[in-house]
Amino acid sequence: MKTVTMLEFRRNAEGVLRRVAKGERLLLSHRGKPMARLEPLNGAAAAPATDDPFLQIAQRATRSPKGRTQHADIDQILYGRR
């Protein structure tokens, strides 16, 4: 199973999810440790990629007056730690 880092996933979530949609199974790692497995849903009626709001997040994002969110802040929000 191929590994995708959190950094790669953050930079190219749409591309990674397209790989999964084509049937590829991936291991998501954070700071060198395996954290999650990404695999296609079998038997479930998945929404078409064009209708998936997660894949359209880049078009929905707006600039923040505070600037870019730092990785440590994202980790704090997601994992409750820095």
Protein backbone atom coordinates (compact mmCIF):
# COMPACT_ATOMS: atom_id res chain seq x y z
CA MET A 1 0.00 0.00 0.00
CA LYS A 2 1.43 3.39 -0.96
CA THR A 3 1.83 6.12 1.65
CA VAL A 4 0.68 9.73 1.32
CA THR A 5 1.96 12.30 3.81
CA MET A 6 -0.30 14.91 5.40
CA LEU A 7 1.71 17.60 3.61
CA GLU A 8 1.08 15.96 0.23
CA PHE A 9 -2.60 15.51 1.12
CA ARG A 10 -2.95 19.16 2.17
CA ARG A 11 -1.33 20.36 -1.04
CA ASN A 12 -3.19 18.01 -3.38
CA ALA A 13 -6.28 16.60 -1.64
CA GLU A 14 -8.26 16.56 -4.87
CA GLY A 15 -5.59 14.56 -6.71
CA VAL A 16 -5.22 12.08 -3.84
CA LEU A 17 -8.99 11.55 -3.67
CA ARG A 18 -9.14 11.03 -7.41
CA ARG A 19 -6.55 8.24 -7.04
CA VAL A 20 -8.70 6.65 -4.33
CA ALA A 21 -11.81 6.99 -6.51
CA LYS A 22 -9.99 5.03 -9.23
CA GLY A 23 -9.53 2.16 -6.78
CA GLU A 24 -6.13 2.86 -5.22
CA ARG A 25 -5.74 2.22 -1.49
CA LEU A 26 -3.47 4.67 0.35
CA LEU A 27 -2.04 5.00 3.83
CA LEU A 28 -2.13 8.54 5.24
CA SER A 29 0.81 9.35 7.51
CA HIS A 30 1.33 12.25 9.90
CA ARG A 31 4.83 13.03 11.14
CA GLY A 32 6.06 9.68 9.89
CA LYS A 33 3.40 7.61 11.65
CA PRO A 34 0.50 5.87 9.87
CA MET A 35 -2.76 7.58 10.86
CA ALA A 36 -5.50 6.56 8.43
CA ARG A 37 -6.26 4.36 5.47
CA LEU A 38 -7.87 5.91 2.40
CA GLU A 39 -9.78 3.45 0.27
CA PRO A 40 -12.73 3.57 -2.09
CA LEU A 41 -16.19 2.91 -0.74
CA ASN A 42 -17.53 -0.31 -2.20
CA GLY A 43 -21.25 -0.85 -2.55
CA ALA A 44 -22.16 2.67 -1.45
CA ALA A 45 -23.59 5.13 -3.91
CA ALA A 46 -20.92 7.79 -3.99
CA ALA A 47 -21.77 11.29 -5.14
CA PRO A 48 -20.26 12.34 -8.47
CA ALA A 49 -16.94 14.14 -7.95
CA THR A 50 -18.36 17.33 -9.44
CA ASP A 51 -21.00 17.44 -6.67
CA ASP A 52 -18.61 16.72 -3.79
CA PRO A 53 -18.18 19.93 -1.74
CA PHE A 54 -14.83 18.71 -0.35
CA LEU A 55 -13.35 18.59 -3.84
CA GLN A 56 -14.59 22.14 -4.48
CA ILE A 57 -13.06 23.59 -1.32
CA ALA A 58 -10.39 25.55 -3.22
CA GLN A 59 -13.11 27.46 -5.08
CA ARG A 60 -15.00 28.16 -1.85
CA ALA A 61 -12.03 29.32 0.22
CA THR A 62 -11.60 33.02 0.85
CA ARG A 63 -8.52 34.93 1.94
CA SER A 64 -8.22 35.63 5.64
CA PRO A 65 -7.20 39.07 6.86
CA LYS A 66 -4.93 37.24 9.34
CA GLY A 67 -2.87 35.63 6.56
CA ARG A 68 -2.06 31.96 6.06
CA THR A 69 -2.93 29.42 8.74
CA GLN A 70 0.22 27.88 10.18
CA HIS A 71 0.66 24.08 10.21
CA ALA A 72 0.94 24.08 14.00
CA ASP A 73 -2.44 25.81 14.21
CA ILE A 74 -3.98 23.24 11.86
CA ASP A 75 -2.55 20.42 14.00
CA GLN A 76 -4.02 22.07 17.10
CA ILE A 77 -7.45 22.27 15.47
CA LEU A 78 -7.37 18.71 14.09
CA TYR A 79 -5.51 16.82 16.78
CA GLY A 80 -5.70 19.00 19.88
CA ARG A 81 -1.94 19.27 20.15
CA ARG A 82 0.99 21.12 18.67
